[in-house]
Amino acid sequence: MNSRSNGFGVGIRPARGFTLVELMVVIAMVAILSAIAAPNFTSFIGTMNSKAASMDLIGDLAFARSESLKRNASASIVPLGSTWNSGWEVRLGTVVLRNRSELKSGLTINAPSAGIVFLSNGRVSVANADVDTSNLAWTITSSVSGVPQRCVVMLPSGSARAKMGAC
């Protein structure tokens, strides 16, 4: 039996829920934590975008190389437009095998050449004879402060890897 009643023999249940003061305290705490975390989250997003762009480039380089070996024909990876920032295509002759759209805003790529060609044996060649194929590297830079550069390096054998920092 309840110890509290309303005088008519019906029990009164205790109040449920939150008070307005409790709700305002929780909202203030969430706002303070969000203000502290926002700068770090921006840097995290910039780092992940830079890492994703480097992994996309490595994946497409490996794809172009594997297609050249599989089909015993030259495959190329070329930028769309005048720079690699606009995206790139993987081609087998005139057939486009894969198309990568432009980079996320705030990212730029400095590339060594207008295009890379994988010969039928998987080795690297470039359209520009002045470019040394033993030192092919793409530098990916973010405009977000605190985000380190990423470097994609390709060996003459055609294998590519990424590393943090300048090339």
Foldseek 3Di string as FASTA:
>chain_A
DDPADPVPPHHDDDDDDDDPVVVVVVVVVVVVVCVVCVLVVVLVVQQVLQVVVLVVVQVLLVVLLVVLQVVVAKKKKFADDDFCQQWIFIGGVPRTPDTGGGGDPQKGKDWDARMWMQHSQSFIDGPDPVGDQQWTKIWIGGNRPPHFIKMWTAGRSRHIDIDTHDD
